Amino acid sequence: MLTIAVAVLFVRSGTATDGVLRARGLIIEDEVGRERILIGAPVPEATNRVRTDEARVREVWAPQFPEAYMDYYQDYSHDTNGMLILSEDGFDRLVVGDPTPDPNIGRRIAPSTGMVINDTEGFERMGYGVKPMDGRYRVSLGLDTDRIEEGLILMLDDGGPRGVLVGTAGDRIFLGSAPAGHGWTGLAEEFQGLLVRRDGETVYQLNLAAGN
């Protein structure tokens, strides 16, 4: 029955030719009529989606941040070409798209093609994607903490760092390689090995690139 219903929705909003269904978008509702799955290029608008309802953003997110939050929020991208799953309350929970929307706390450094998983309040907790960066590509998997910080990053940056970064703020462990002067190491020289920092200070360093 679900397959038939989906097919009917596609045919009503688009066209069917030679067994191929064509449409700009599809909205799947739950048993009480709440919009739960959005599919499209870009995904269609949903009346209960928090991300695109400024009044709800002011109510649920803005009080948690400085006063200028809503000014910055105006520039965030909420669109995606792909699939978006909403919670019962209208928060983005899972996105698979190109590009994925910006987090609700800031813009991405570059458009990311991949997948994002958010918590029940719409804050990003995991993201996997590929980003174009100055003529090269960055492939990364990031796991975020409940403090809206990146807690673990697995990254391969063409021409840049490659490795695992664990921790937040000044307490971090980096295992991998990075070019000289990169922010992940804070070292003037090229790095390859293990670096441990506590309160912003280096407490252990094994740099094979430097021979120590």
N, C-alpha and C. Protein backbone atom coordinates (compact mmCIF):
# COMPACT_ATOMS: atom_id res chain seq x y z
N MET A 1 0.82 -1.21 0.00
CA MET A 1 0.00 0.00 0.00
C MET A 1 0.84 1.25 0.00
N LEU A 2 1.96 1.26 0.78
CA LEU A 2 2.83 2.43 0.82
C LEU A 2 3.43 2.69 -0.54
N THR A 3 3.86 1.61 -1.22
CA THR A 3 4.44 1.77 -2.55
C THR A 3 3.45 2.38 -3.51
N ILE A 4 2.21 1.93 -3.45
CA ILE A 4 1.16 2.47 -4.32
C ILE A 4 0.92 3.94 -4.01
N ALA A 5 0.89 4.28 -2.72
CA ALA A 5 0.63 5.66 -2.31
C ALA A 5 1.74 6.58 -2.79
N VAL A 6 2.98 6.12 -2.65
CA VAL A 6 4.11 6.93 -3.11
C VAL A 6 4.04 7.14 -4.61
N ALA A 7 3.72 6.07 -5.33
CA ALA A 7 3.62 6.17 -6.79
C ALA A 7 2.54 7.16 -7.20
N VAL A 8 1.39 7.10 -6.52
CA VAL A 8 0.29 8.02 -6.82
C VAL A 8 0.71 9.46 -6.58
N LEU A 9 1.41 9.71 -5.46
CA LEU A 9 1.85 11.06 -5.15
C LEU A 9 2.79 11.58 -6.22
N PHE A 10 3.71 10.74 -6.66
CA PHE A 10 4.64 11.16 -7.71
C PHE A 10 3.92 11.50 -9.00
N VAL A 11 2.98 10.62 -9.39
CA VAL A 11 2.28 10.83 -10.64
C VAL A 11 1.44 12.10 -10.60
N ARG A 12 0.81 12.36 -9.44
CA ARG A 12 -0.02 13.56 -9.32
C ARG A 12 0.79 14.84 -9.42
N SER A 13 2.02 14.83 -8.87
CA SER A 13 2.82 16.05 -8.85
C SER A 13 3.83 16.12 -9.99
N GLY A 14 4.02 15.01 -10.72
CA GLY A 14 5.01 15.00 -11.78
C GLY A 14 4.49 14.24 -12.98
N THR A 15 5.37 13.47 -13.62
CA THR A 15 5.00 12.71 -14.79
C THR A 15 5.58 11.31 -14.69
N ALA A 16 4.94 10.38 -15.38
CA ALA A 16 5.44 9.01 -15.46
C ALA A 16 5.57 8.64 -16.92
N THR A 17 6.79 8.30 -17.37
CA THR A 17 7.03 7.95 -18.76
C THR A 17 7.91 6.73 -18.82
N ASP A 18 7.47 5.72 -19.58
CA ASP A 18 8.23 4.49 -19.74
C ASP A 18 8.63 3.88 -18.40
N GLY A 19 7.73 3.96 -17.43
CA GLY A 19 7.99 3.36 -16.13
C GLY A 19 8.87 4.19 -15.22
N VAL A 20 9.28 5.39 -15.65
CA VAL A 20 10.12 6.26 -14.84
C VAL A 20 9.27 7.39 -14.28
N LEU A 21 9.26 7.55 -12.96
CA LEU A 21 8.50 8.61 -12.31
C LEU A 21 9.38 9.85 -12.18
N ARG A 22 8.85 11.00 -12.54
CA ARG A 22 9.59 12.25 -12.46
C ARG A 22 8.80 13.27 -11.64
N ALA A 23 9.46 13.90 -10.67
CA ALA A 23 8.79 14.90 -9.84
C ALA A 23 9.84 15.81 -9.23
N ARG A 24 9.44 16.99 -8.80
CA ARG A 24 10.36 17.93 -8.17
C ARG A 24 10.51 17.65 -6.68
N GLY A 25 9.50 17.04 -6.07
CA GLY A 25 9.60 16.81 -4.65
C GLY A 25 8.53 15.88 -4.13
N LEU A 26 8.78 15.36 -2.91
CA LEU A 26 7.84 14.45 -2.29
C LEU A 26 7.88 14.67 -0.78
N ILE A 27 6.70 14.71 -0.15
CA ILE A 27 6.59 14.84 1.29
C ILE A 27 5.84 13.63 1.83
N ILE A 28 6.47 12.93 2.79
CA ILE A 28 5.83 11.78 3.44
C ILE A 28 5.36 12.23 4.82
N GLU A 29 4.09 11.99 5.12
CA GLU A 29 3.51 12.35 6.40
C GLU A 29 3.31 11.12 7.27
N ASP A 30 3.29 11.33 8.61
CA ASP A 30 3.02 10.21 9.51
C ASP A 30 1.51 10.03 9.68
N GLU A 31 1.12 9.16 10.60
CA GLU A 31 -0.30 8.79 10.72
C GLU A 31 -1.19 9.92 11.20
N VAL A 32 -0.59 10.98 11.77
CA VAL A 32 -1.41 12.11 12.21
C VAL A 32 -1.21 13.34 11.34
N GLY A 33 -0.56 13.16 10.19
CA GLY A 33 -0.44 14.25 9.24
C GLY A 33 0.78 15.13 9.39
N ARG A 34 1.73 14.74 10.26
CA ARG A 34 2.96 15.53 10.42
C ARG A 34 3.93 15.21 9.30
N GLU A 35 4.55 16.25 8.73
CA GLU A 35 5.52 16.06 7.65
C GLU A 35 6.81 15.49 8.24
N ARG A 36 7.23 14.31 7.79
CA ARG A 36 8.34 13.62 8.41
C ARG A 36 9.51 13.34 7.46
N ILE A 37 9.25 13.14 6.18
CA ILE A 37 10.32 12.87 5.21
C ILE A 37 10.14 13.79 4.01
N LEU A 38 11.19 14.53 3.68
CA LEU A 38 11.17 15.42 2.53
C LEU A 38 12.19 14.92 1.51
N ILE A 39 11.76 14.77 0.28
CA ILE A 39 12.65 14.32 -0.80
C ILE A 39 12.50 15.27 -1.97
N GLY A 40 13.61 15.74 -2.51
CA GLY A 40 13.50 16.64 -3.66
C GLY A 40 14.82 17.27 -4.02
N ALA A 41 14.76 18.10 -5.06
CA ALA A 41 15.94 18.81 -5.54
C ALA A 41 15.55 20.26 -5.90
N PRO A 42 15.50 21.15 -4.87
CA PRO A 42 15.78 20.86 -3.46
C PRO A 42 14.58 20.23 -2.77
N VAL A 43 14.77 19.83 -1.50
CA VAL A 43 13.64 19.25 -0.76
C VAL A 43 12.55 20.30 -0.64
N PRO A 44 11.28 19.88 -0.68
CA PRO A 44 10.18 20.85 -0.57
C PRO A 44 10.09 21.46 0.82
N GLU A 45 9.41 22.60 0.91
CA GLU A 45 9.22 23.26 2.19
C GLU A 45 8.20 22.47 3.02
N ALA A 46 8.41 22.48 4.35
CA ALA A 46 7.49 21.82 5.26
C ALA A 46 6.99 22.84 6.27
N THR A 47 5.72 22.84 6.55
CA THR A 47 5.13 23.85 7.44
C THR A 47 5.62 23.70 8.87
N ASN A 48 6.02 22.47 9.28
CA ASN A 48 6.41 22.26 10.67
C ASN A 48 7.93 22.18 10.86
N ARG A 49 8.72 22.51 9.83
CA ARG A 49 10.17 22.42 9.96
C ARG A 49 10.70 23.63 10.72
N VAL A 50 11.39 23.37 11.83
CA VAL A 50 11.91 24.45 12.67
C VAL A 50 12.91 25.31 11.92
N ARG A 51 13.81 24.69 11.16
CA ARG A 51 14.88 25.41 10.49
C ARG A 51 14.39 26.60 9.65
N THR A 52 13.21 26.47 9.07
CA THR A 52 12.70 27.51 8.18
C THR A 52 11.56 28.31 8.78
N ASP A 53 11.38 28.21 10.09
CA ASP A 53 10.34 28.96 10.79
C ASP A 53 11.04 29.92 11.77
N GLU A 54 11.19 31.17 11.38
CA GLU A 54 11.97 32.13 12.17
C GLU A 54 11.40 32.30 13.58
N ALA A 55 10.10 32.26 13.72
CA ALA A 55 9.49 32.43 15.04
C ALA A 55 9.91 31.30 15.98
N ARG A 56 9.93 30.08 15.47
CA ARG A 56 10.32 28.94 16.30
C ARG A 56 11.83 28.96 16.59
N VAL A 57 12.61 29.42 15.63
CA VAL A 57 14.06 29.55 15.85
C VAL A 57 14.32 30.52 16.99
N ARG A 58 13.60 31.64 16.99
CA ARG A 58 13.75 32.62 18.07
C ARG A 58 13.35 32.02 19.42
N GLU A 59 12.38 31.13 19.38
CA GLU A 59 11.86 30.55 20.62
C GLU A 59 12.76 29.46 21.18
N VAL A 60 13.24 28.54 20.32
CA VAL A 60 13.94 27.35 20.84
C VAL A 60 15.46 27.43 20.80
N TRP A 61 16.02 28.20 19.85
CA TRP A 61 17.49 28.23 19.72
C TRP A 61 18.10 29.56 20.17
N ALA A 62 17.50 30.65 19.74
CA ALA A 62 18.10 31.96 20.01
C ALA A 62 18.41 32.21 21.49
N PRO A 63 17.55 31.81 22.46
CA PRO A 63 17.85 32.08 23.87
C PRO A 63 19.13 31.40 24.37
N GLN A 64 19.63 30.40 23.63
CA GLN A 64 20.83 29.68 24.06
C GLN A 64 22.13 30.34 23.59
N PHE A 65 22.01 31.41 22.80
CA PHE A 65 23.18 32.03 22.19
C PHE A 65 23.17 33.55 22.40
N PRO A 66 24.29 34.21 22.05
CA PRO A 66 24.34 35.67 22.18
C PRO A 66 23.25 36.35 21.35
N GLU A 67 23.01 37.60 21.66
CA GLU A 67 21.91 38.36 21.04
C GLU A 67 22.02 38.43 19.52
N ALA A 68 23.26 38.39 19.00
CA ALA A 68 23.46 38.53 17.55
C ALA A 68 23.14 37.25 16.78
N TYR A 69 22.73 36.20 17.48
CA TYR A 69 22.50 34.90 16.82
C TYR A 69 21.55 35.02 15.64
N MET A 70 20.42 35.68 15.79
CA MET A 70 19.43 35.76 14.73
C MET A 70 19.96 36.52 13.52
N ASP A 71 20.85 37.48 13.74
CA ASP A 71 21.45 38.20 12.61
C ASP A 71 22.30 37.25 11.77
N TYR A 72 23.09 36.41 12.45
CA TYR A 72 23.90 35.43 11.73
C TYR A 72 23.02 34.37 11.07
N TYR A 73 21.95 34.00 11.75
CA TYR A 73 21.09 32.92 11.26
C TYR A 73 20.50 33.24 9.89
N GLN A 74 20.31 34.50 9.58
CA GLN A 74 19.72 34.88 8.30
C GLN A 74 20.55 34.41 7.11
N ASP A 75 21.85 34.19 7.32
CA ASP A 75 22.74 33.80 6.23
C ASP A 75 22.97 32.29 6.14
N TYR A 76 22.35 31.51 7.04
CA TYR A 76 22.55 30.07 7.02
C TYR A 76 21.76 29.44 5.86
N SER A 77 22.32 28.40 5.28
CA SER A 77 21.63 27.67 4.21
C SER A 77 20.85 26.51 4.81
N HIS A 78 19.57 26.38 4.43
CA HIS A 78 18.71 25.32 4.96
C HIS A 78 18.34 24.30 3.89
N ASP A 79 18.72 24.57 2.64
CA ASP A 79 18.31 23.72 1.52
C ASP A 79 19.24 22.53 1.35
N THR A 80 18.73 21.51 0.68
CA THR A 80 19.54 20.37 0.27
C THR A 80 18.86 19.67 -0.89
N ASN A 81 19.66 19.09 -1.76
CA ASN A 81 19.14 18.22 -2.81
C ASN A 81 19.32 16.78 -2.32
N GLY A 82 18.24 16.13 -1.96
CA GLY A 82 18.36 14.78 -1.41
C GLY A 82 17.19 14.41 -0.55
N MET A 83 17.47 13.89 0.65
CA MET A 83 16.42 13.44 1.57
C MET A 83 16.66 14.01 2.96
N LEU A 84 15.58 14.48 3.58
CA LEU A 84 15.63 15.05 4.92
C LEU A 84 14.55 14.40 5.77
N ILE A 85 14.95 13.90 6.95
CA ILE A 85 13.99 13.31 7.88
C ILE A 85 13.80 14.25 9.06
N LEU A 86 12.54 14.55 9.37
CA LEU A 86 12.19 15.44 10.47
C LEU A 86 11.66 14.65 11.67
N SER A 87 11.89 15.19 12.86
CA SER A 87 11.30 14.60 14.06
C SER A 87 9.82 14.99 14.15
N GLU A 88 9.13 14.44 15.13
CA GLU A 88 7.72 14.80 15.33
C GLU A 88 7.57 16.29 15.60
N ASP A 89 8.60 16.90 16.20
CA ASP A 89 8.55 18.31 16.55
C ASP A 89 9.05 19.22 15.43
N GLY A 90 9.48 18.64 14.32
CA GLY A 90 9.91 19.44 13.19
C GLY A 90 11.40 19.75 13.14
N PHE A 91 12.21 19.09 13.98
CA PHE A 91 13.65 19.30 13.94
C PHE A 91 14.29 18.40 12.89
N ASP A 92 15.29 18.92 12.17
CA ASP A 92 16.06 18.09 11.24
C ASP A 92 16.77 17.00 12.03
N ARG A 93 16.59 15.73 11.66
CA ARG A 93 17.27 14.63 12.35
C ARG A 93 18.32 13.97 11.46
N LEU A 94 17.98 13.70 10.21
CA LEU A 94 18.91 13.04 9.29
C LEU A 94 18.81 13.69 7.92
N VAL A 95 19.96 14.02 7.35
CA VAL A 95 20.01 14.61 6.01
C VAL A 95 21.03 13.85 5.18
N VAL A 96 20.63 13.47 3.98
CA VAL A 96 21.56 12.92 2.99
C VAL A 96 21.40 13.78 1.76
N GLY A 97 22.42 14.56 1.42
CA GLY A 97 22.21 15.49 0.33
C GLY A 97 23.45 16.13 -0.23
N ASP A 98 23.22 16.95 -1.25
CA ASP A 98 24.28 17.68 -1.95
C ASP A 98 23.78 19.08 -2.30
N PRO A 99 24.21 20.09 -1.54
CA PRO A 99 24.99 19.98 -0.32
C PRO A 99 24.06 19.80 0.89
N THR A 100 24.62 19.44 2.03
CA THR A 100 23.82 19.36 3.25
C THR A 100 23.63 20.77 3.82
N PRO A 101 22.55 21.01 4.58
CA PRO A 101 22.33 22.34 5.16
C PRO A 101 23.44 22.72 6.14
N ASP A 102 23.58 24.02 6.38
CA ASP A 102 24.52 24.47 7.41
C ASP A 102 24.04 24.00 8.77
N PRO A 103 24.96 23.83 9.73
CA PRO A 103 24.53 23.58 11.11
C PRO A 103 23.72 24.79 11.60
N ASN A 104 22.95 24.62 12.66
CA ASN A 104 22.16 25.74 13.18
C ASN A 104 22.99 26.67 14.06
N ILE A 105 24.32 26.46 14.09
CA ILE A 105 25.19 27.32 14.89
C ILE A 105 26.23 28.05 14.04
N GLY A 106 26.17 27.91 12.72
CA GLY A 106 27.14 28.60 11.89
C GLY A 106 27.23 28.01 10.50
N ARG A 107 27.84 28.75 9.59
CA ARG A 107 27.97 28.28 8.21
C ARG A 107 29.14 27.32 8.06
N ARG A 108 29.00 26.39 7.12
CA ARG A 108 30.11 25.50 6.82
C ARG A 108 31.20 26.28 6.07
N ILE A 109 32.44 25.80 6.20
CA ILE A 109 33.53 26.49 5.52
C ILE A 109 33.47 26.28 4.02
N ALA A 110 32.72 25.27 3.58
CA ALA A 110 32.52 25.00 2.15
C ALA A 110 31.32 24.07 2.01
N PRO A 111 30.66 24.06 0.84
CA PRO A 111 29.53 23.15 0.64
C PRO A 111 29.98 21.71 0.83
N SER A 112 29.17 20.93 1.55
CA SER A 112 29.53 19.54 1.86
C SER A 112 28.50 18.58 1.29
N THR A 113 28.99 17.59 0.55
CA THR A 113 28.14 16.53 0.04
C THR A 113 28.28 15.32 0.94
N GLY A 114 27.17 14.86 1.53
CA GLY A 114 27.30 13.73 2.44
C GLY A 114 26.08 13.52 3.31
N MET A 115 26.33 13.22 4.59
CA MET A 115 25.26 12.89 5.52
C MET A 115 25.47 13.61 6.85
N VAL A 116 24.36 14.04 7.45
CA VAL A 116 24.38 14.71 8.75
C VAL A 116 23.32 14.09 9.65
N ILE A 117 23.69 13.84 10.93
CA ILE A 117 22.75 13.35 11.92
C ILE A 117 22.70 14.35 13.07
N ASN A 118 21.49 14.80 13.43
CA ASN A 118 21.29 15.77 14.50
C ASN A 118 20.64 15.12 15.72
N ASP A 119 20.75 15.79 16.87
CA ASP A 119 20.08 15.29 18.06
C ASP A 119 18.62 15.72 18.05
N THR A 120 17.91 15.44 19.14
CA THR A 120 16.47 15.71 19.18
C THR A 120 16.13 17.20 19.19
N GLU A 121 17.13 18.07 19.43
CA GLU A 121 16.90 19.51 19.41
C GLU A 121 17.45 20.16 18.15
N GLY A 122 17.85 19.34 17.18
CA GLY A 122 18.31 19.87 15.91
C GLY A 122 19.76 20.28 15.85
N PHE A 123 20.55 19.95 16.87
CA PHE A 123 21.98 20.28 16.86
C PHE A 123 22.77 19.13 16.23
N GLU A 124 23.71 19.47 15.37
CA GLU A 124 24.48 18.45 14.66
C GLU A 124 25.36 17.66 15.62
N ARG A 125 25.29 16.33 15.51
CA ARG A 125 26.12 15.45 16.34
C ARG A 125 27.07 14.59 15.51
N MET A 126 26.78 14.42 14.24
CA MET A 126 27.67 13.66 13.37
C MET A 126 27.52 14.12 11.93
N GLY A 127 28.65 14.24 11.26
CA GLY A 127 28.62 14.61 9.85
C GLY A 127 29.71 13.91 9.07
N TYR A 128 29.38 13.42 7.90
CA TYR A 128 30.35 12.79 7.01
C TYR A 128 30.18 13.41 5.65
N GLY A 129 31.27 13.95 5.09
CA GLY A 129 31.10 14.61 3.82
C GLY A 129 32.39 14.88 3.08
N VAL A 130 32.21 15.35 1.85
CA VAL A 130 33.31 15.74 0.97
C VAL A 130 33.12 17.21 0.62
N LYS A 131 34.17 18.02 0.83
CA LYS A 131 34.09 19.44 0.57
C LYS A 131 35.19 19.86 -0.42
N PRO A 132 34.86 20.72 -1.40
CA PRO A 132 35.91 21.29 -2.24
C PRO A 132 36.61 22.41 -1.49
N MET A 133 37.95 22.37 -1.45
CA MET A 133 38.72 23.36 -0.69
C MET A 133 39.87 23.89 -1.54
N ASP A 134 39.68 25.08 -2.13
CA ASP A 134 40.75 25.74 -2.89
C ASP A 134 41.35 24.82 -3.94
N GLY A 135 40.50 24.18 -4.74
CA GLY A 135 40.99 23.34 -5.81
C GLY A 135 41.34 21.93 -5.40
N ARG A 136 41.12 21.58 -4.15
CA ARG A 136 41.37 20.22 -3.69
C ARG A 136 40.12 19.76 -2.93
N TYR A 137 40.20 18.56 -2.34
CA TYR A 137 39.05 18.03 -1.62
C TYR A 137 39.42 17.66 -0.19
N ARG A 138 38.44 17.79 0.69
CA ARG A 138 38.59 17.38 2.07
C ARG A 138 37.50 16.37 2.38
N VAL A 139 37.90 15.18 2.82
CA VAL A 139 36.97 14.13 3.22
C VAL A 139 37.04 14.02 4.74
N SER A 140 35.92 14.13 5.42
CA SER A 140 35.97 14.14 6.88
C SER A 140 34.75 13.48 7.51
N LEU A 141 34.99 12.92 8.69
CA LEU A 141 33.95 12.37 9.54
C LEU A 141 34.09 13.04 10.89
N GLY A 142 33.06 13.77 11.32
CA GLY A 142 33.13 14.50 12.58
C GLY A 142 32.05 14.08 13.55
N LEU A 143 32.44 13.86 14.81
CA LEU A 143 31.49 13.54 15.87
C LEU A 143 31.52 14.68 16.87
N ASP A 144 30.36 15.26 17.15
CA ASP A 144 30.27 16.44 18.01
C ASP A 144 29.79 16.09 19.41
N THR A 145 30.21 16.89 20.38
CA THR A 145 29.81 16.69 21.76
C THR A 145 28.48 17.40 22.04
N ASP A 146 27.95 17.19 23.24
CA ASP A 146 26.71 17.87 23.63
C ASP A 146 26.95 19.34 23.93
N ARG A 147 28.21 19.78 23.88
CA ARG A 147 28.54 21.18 24.07
C ARG A 147 28.73 21.90 22.73
N ILE A 148 28.26 21.26 21.66
CA ILE A 148 28.33 21.82 20.31
C ILE A 148 29.79 22.06 19.90
N GLU A 149 30.64 21.10 20.23
CA GLU A 149 32.04 21.15 19.84
C GLU A 149 32.40 19.85 19.13
N GLU A 150 33.40 19.93 18.24
CA GLU A 150 33.86 18.72 17.58
C GLU A 150 34.70 17.92 18.55
N GLY A 151 34.27 16.70 18.86
CA GLY A 151 34.97 15.87 19.82
C GLY A 151 35.92 14.88 19.19
N LEU A 152 35.60 14.46 17.95
CA LEU A 152 36.46 13.52 17.23
C LEU A 152 36.34 13.80 15.74
N ILE A 153 37.47 13.92 15.08
CA ILE A 153 37.49 14.19 13.65
C ILE A 153 38.43 13.22 12.97
N LEU A 154 37.95 12.56 11.94
CA LEU A 154 38.77 11.74 11.05
C LEU A 154 38.80 12.47 9.71
N MET A 155 40.01 12.89 9.28
CA MET A 155 40.09 13.75 8.11
C MET A 155 41.20 13.33 7.16
N LEU A 156 40.90 13.47 5.86
CA LEU A 156 41.89 13.36 4.82
C LEU A 156 41.74 14.59 3.94
N ASP A 157 42.72 15.47 4.01
CA ASP A 157 42.69 16.73 3.28
C ASP A 157 43.78 16.69 2.22
N ASP A 158 43.38 16.71 0.94
CA ASP A 158 44.36 16.69 -0.14
C ASP A 158 45.35 17.85 0.05
N GLY A 159 46.61 17.53 0.22
CA GLY A 159 47.62 18.57 0.41
C GLY A 159 47.64 19.15 1.81
N GLY A 160 46.86 18.58 2.73
CA GLY A 160 46.79 19.11 4.09
C GLY A 160 46.91 18.01 5.12
N PRO A 161 46.27 18.17 6.29
CA PRO A 161 46.37 17.17 7.36
C PRO A 161 45.63 15.89 7.02
N ARG A 162 46.16 14.80 7.56
CA ARG A 162 45.52 13.49 7.42
C ARG A 162 45.67 12.78 8.75
N GLY A 163 44.56 12.49 9.39
CA GLY A 163 44.68 11.83 10.67
C GLY A 163 43.43 11.93 11.52
N VAL A 164 43.61 11.69 12.82
CA VAL A 164 42.52 11.68 13.78
C VAL A 164 42.81 12.73 14.85
N LEU A 165 41.81 13.56 15.14
CA LEU A 165 41.91 14.57 16.19
C LEU A 165 40.84 14.26 17.23
N VAL A 166 41.25 14.04 18.47
CA VAL A 166 40.34 13.68 19.55
C VAL A 166 40.43 14.72 20.65
N GLY A 167 39.28 15.21 21.11
CA GLY A 167 39.27 16.19 22.18
C GLY A 167 38.69 17.51 21.74
N THR A 168 38.60 18.46 22.68
CA THR A 168 38.04 19.77 22.40
C THR A 168 38.93 20.86 22.98
N ALA A 169 38.79 22.05 22.42
CA ALA A 169 39.51 23.23 22.90
C ALA A 169 41.00 22.93 23.05
N GLY A 170 41.58 23.17 24.24
CA GLY A 170 43.01 22.99 24.43
C GLY A 170 43.42 21.59 24.81
N ASP A 171 42.46 20.69 25.02
CA ASP A 171 42.77 19.32 25.40
C ASP A 171 42.53 18.41 24.20
N ARG A 172 43.62 18.13 23.47
CA ARG A 172 43.47 17.39 22.23
C ARG A 172 44.60 16.39 22.02
N ILE A 173 44.28 15.32 21.30
CA ILE A 173 45.26 14.35 20.86
C ILE A 173 45.17 14.27 19.34
N PHE A 174 46.29 14.42 18.68
CA PHE A 174 46.33 14.34 17.22
C PHE A 174 47.26 13.21 16.81
N LEU A 175 46.75 12.31 15.99
CA LEU A 175 47.54 11.22 15.43
C LEU A 175 47.44 11.31 13.92
N GLY A 176 48.57 11.62 13.27
CA GLY A 176 48.54 11.75 11.82
C GLY A 176 49.66 12.62 11.31
N SER A 177 49.41 13.24 10.16
CA SER A 177 50.41 14.11 9.55
C SER A 177 49.78 15.45 9.18
N ALA A 178 50.60 16.50 9.21
CA ALA A 178 50.12 17.84 8.90
C ALA A 178 51.28 18.68 8.37
N PRO A 179 51.01 19.59 7.45
CA PRO A 179 52.07 20.45 6.94
C PRO A 179 52.53 21.45 8.00
N ALA A 180 53.66 22.06 7.76
CA ALA A 180 54.20 23.05 8.69
C ALA A 180 53.23 24.20 8.89
N GLY A 181 53.07 24.62 10.14
CA GLY A 181 52.24 25.78 10.45
C GLY A 181 50.75 25.52 10.49
N HIS A 182 50.34 24.26 10.43
CA HIS A 182 48.90 23.98 10.43
C HIS A 182 48.33 24.13 11.84
N GLY A 183 47.08 24.58 11.92
CA GLY A 183 46.43 24.83 13.21
C GLY A 183 46.23 23.59 14.06
N TRP A 184 46.17 22.42 13.43
CA TRP A 184 45.95 21.21 14.21
C TRP A 184 47.15 20.88 15.09
N THR A 185 48.34 21.33 14.69
CA THR A 185 49.54 21.05 15.49
C THR A 185 50.10 22.31 16.15
N GLY A 186 49.95 23.45 15.50
CA GLY A 186 50.53 24.68 16.02
C GLY A 186 52.04 24.68 15.95
N LEU A 187 52.60 23.80 15.14
CA LEU A 187 54.05 23.68 15.02
C LEU A 187 54.55 24.35 13.75
N ALA A 188 55.71 24.94 13.83
CA ALA A 188 56.29 25.62 12.67
C ALA A 188 56.81 24.63 11.64
N GLU A 189 57.08 23.38 12.09
CA GLU A 189 57.64 22.39 11.18
C GLU A 189 56.59 21.37 10.76
N GLU A 190 56.91 20.62 9.72
CA GLU A 190 56.05 19.53 9.27
C GLU A 190 55.91 18.50 10.38
N PHE A 191 54.74 17.86 10.43
CA PHE A 191 54.49 16.91 11.52
C PHE A 191 53.99 15.59 11.00
N GLN A 192 54.48 14.51 11.62
CA GLN A 192 53.97 13.17 11.37
C GLN A 192 54.18 12.34 12.62
N GLY A 193 53.11 12.01 13.31
CA GLY A 193 53.27 11.26 14.54
C GLY A 193 52.12 11.46 15.51
N LEU A 194 52.48 11.65 16.80
CA LEU A 194 51.48 11.78 17.87
C LEU A 194 51.75 13.04 18.68
N LEU A 195 50.70 13.83 18.87
CA LEU A 195 50.82 15.08 19.62
C LEU A 195 49.70 15.14 20.66
N VAL A 196 50.07 15.39 21.92
CA VAL A 196 49.10 15.47 23.01
C VAL A 196 49.19 16.85 23.65
N ARG A 197 48.03 17.52 23.79
CA ARG A 197 48.00 18.84 24.42
C ARG A 197 47.04 18.85 25.59
N ARG A 198 47.43 19.59 26.63
CA ARG A 198 46.61 19.74 27.82
C ARG A 198 46.57 21.21 28.18
N ASP A 199 45.35 21.78 28.27
CA ASP A 199 45.20 23.21 28.57
C ASP A 199 46.00 24.07 27.60
N GLY A 200 46.03 23.63 26.34
CA GLY A 200 46.71 24.40 25.31
C GLY A 200 48.20 24.21 25.23
N GLU A 201 48.77 23.43 26.17
CA GLU A 201 50.21 23.21 26.20
C GLU A 201 50.54 21.79 25.74
N THR A 202 51.62 21.64 24.98
CA THR A 202 52.05 20.33 24.52
C THR A 202 52.67 19.55 25.68
N VAL A 203 52.12 18.36 25.97
CA VAL A 203 52.65 17.52 27.05
C VAL A 203 53.36 16.29 26.51
N TYR A 204 53.11 15.95 25.24
CA TYR A 204 53.82 14.83 24.62
C TYR A 204 53.86 15.06 23.12
N GLN A 205 55.02 14.77 22.53
CA GLN A 205 55.16 14.94 21.09
C GLN A 205 56.11 13.89 20.53
N LEU A 206 55.63 13.15 19.55
CA LEU A 206 56.46 12.22 18.79
C LEU A 206 56.35 12.61 17.33
N ASN A 207 57.34 13.28 16.81
CA ASN A 207 57.30 13.78 15.46
C ASN A 207 58.33 13.04 14.61
N LEU A 208 57.87 12.07 13.86
CA LEU A 208 58.76 11.27 13.02
C LEU A 208 59.32 12.09 11.87
N ALA A 209 58.56 13.11 11.44
CA ALA A 209 59.04 13.95 10.34
C ALA A 209 60.26 14.76 10.76
N ALA A 210 60.37 15.05 12.08
CA ALA A 210 61.49 15.83 12.58
C ALA A 210 62.57 14.92 13.16
N GLY A 211 62.33 13.60 13.16
CA GLY A 211 63.32 12.67 13.66
C GLY A 211 63.41 12.60 15.15
N ASN A 212 62.28 12.91 15.88
CA ASN A 212 62.33 12.81 17.34
C ASN A 212 61.12 12.07 17.89
